[in-house]
Protein backbone atom coordinates (compact mmCIF):
# COMPACT_ATOMS: atom_id res chain seq x y z
CA MET A 1 0.00 0.00 0.00
CA LEU A 2 2.77 2.46 0.90
CA ALA A 3 4.59 1.50 -2.30
CA GLY A 4 1.45 2.53 -4.19
CA VAL A 5 1.34 5.83 -2.30
CA HIS A 6 5.01 6.43 -3.08
CA HIS A 7 4.44 5.70 -6.77
CA GLU A 8 1.40 7.99 -7.02
CA LEU A 9 3.18 10.86 -5.26
CA ARG A 10 6.22 10.57 -7.54
CA GLU A 11 4.30 10.16 -10.79
CA ASN A 12 1.24 12.35 -10.32
CA HIS A 13 2.13 14.90 -7.65
CA ASP A 14 5.75 15.73 -8.54
CA ALA A 15 6.86 14.85 -5.00
CA ASN A 16 10.55 14.23 -4.54
CA ASP A 17 12.08 11.71 -2.15
CA GLU A 18 12.52 14.28 0.62
CA ASP A 19 8.85 15.29 0.40
CA ILE A 20 7.73 11.67 0.53
CA ILE A 21 10.01 10.89 3.48
CA ALA A 22 8.59 13.88 5.36
CA PHE A 23 5.04 12.72 4.58
CA PHE A 24 5.73 9.13 5.63
CA THR A 25 7.31 10.47 8.84
CA LYS A 26 3.98 12.14 9.65
CA LEU A 27 2.23 8.81 9.09
CA ASP A 28 4.69 6.90 11.28
CA PRO A 29 2.98 7.52 14.65
CA HIS A 30 -0.24 6.07 13.18
CA MET A 31 1.28 2.81 11.95
CA ASN A 32 0.74 0.78 15.13
CA ALA A 33 -1.09 -2.51 15.11
CA PRO A 34 -3.69 -3.47 16.00
CA VAL A 35 -5.74 -0.58 14.68
CA ALA A 36 -7.45 1.12 17.60
CA GLY A 37 -11.03 2.32 17.35
CA ASP A 38 -9.92 5.93 17.82
CA SER A 39 -7.10 5.85 15.24
CA ILE A 40 -6.72 7.97 12.11
CA TRP A 41 -7.59 4.85 10.12
CA ARG A 42 -11.02 4.61 11.75
CA HIS A 43 -11.99 8.31 11.75
CA THR A 44 -11.22 9.35 8.18
CA ALA A 45 -12.20 8.14 4.73
CA ALA A 46 -9.83 5.21 5.39
CA SER A 47 -12.34 3.74 7.86
CA GLN A 48 -13.89 1.48 5.23
CA ASP A 49 -10.48 -0.10 4.67
CA PHE A 50 -9.71 -1.03 8.29
CA GLU A 51 -11.52 -3.05 10.90
CA VAL A 52 -11.06 -2.36 14.60
CA ASN A 53 -8.21 -4.42 16.07
CA ALA A 54 -6.97 -5.42 12.61
CA SER A 55 -3.24 -5.59 12.01
CA ALA A 56 -3.53 -4.66 8.33
CA PRO A 57 -6.03 -3.09 5.96
CA VAL A 58 -8.74 -5.14 4.31
CA MET A 59 -6.82 -6.87 1.53
CA ARG A 60 -9.42 -6.72 -1.23
CA THR A 61 -8.11 -4.95 -4.32
CA GLN A 62 -10.79 -2.28 -4.20
CA ASN A 63 -9.93 -1.48 -0.57
CA LEU A 64 -6.23 -1.19 -1.30
CA ILE A 65 -6.86 1.08 -4.30
CA HIS A 66 -9.18 3.22 -2.20
CA LEU A 67 -6.71 3.42 0.67
CA VAL A 68 -3.89 4.52 -1.63
CA LYS A 69 -6.15 7.30 -2.98
CA VAL A 70 -7.09 8.39 0.55
CA ILE A 71 -3.50 8.55 1.75
CA VAL A 72 -2.32 10.31 -1.41
CA GLY A 73 -5.07 12.87 -0.77
CA TRP A 74 -3.65 13.44 2.70
CA TYR A 75 -0.40 14.61 1.09
CA SER A 76 -1.98 17.90 0.03
CA ASN A 77 -4.97 17.94 2.39
CA PRO A 78 -4.01 16.16 5.63
CA PRO A 79 -6.54 15.31 8.32
CA THR A 80 -6.15 17.14 11.62
CA GLN A 81 -4.45 14.07 13.16
CA LEU A 82 -1.47 14.58 10.82
């Protein structure tokens, strides 16, 4: 999923490696498993892609595509938690 985010940011948002590293650093505090009910993953558009207490997103292709789009959107319009 993060590889997809990286690819989209490089190809479609003209982000360089430093920009992507800074963005992923902001995501880092939210990468704990299991996913808590009050996490960024459950209170944003990403909520449909994560179940409470899951250790990974829902692995259906449509969920992974959606999650990449959500996270890429956070690059330019981050939720308040970031």
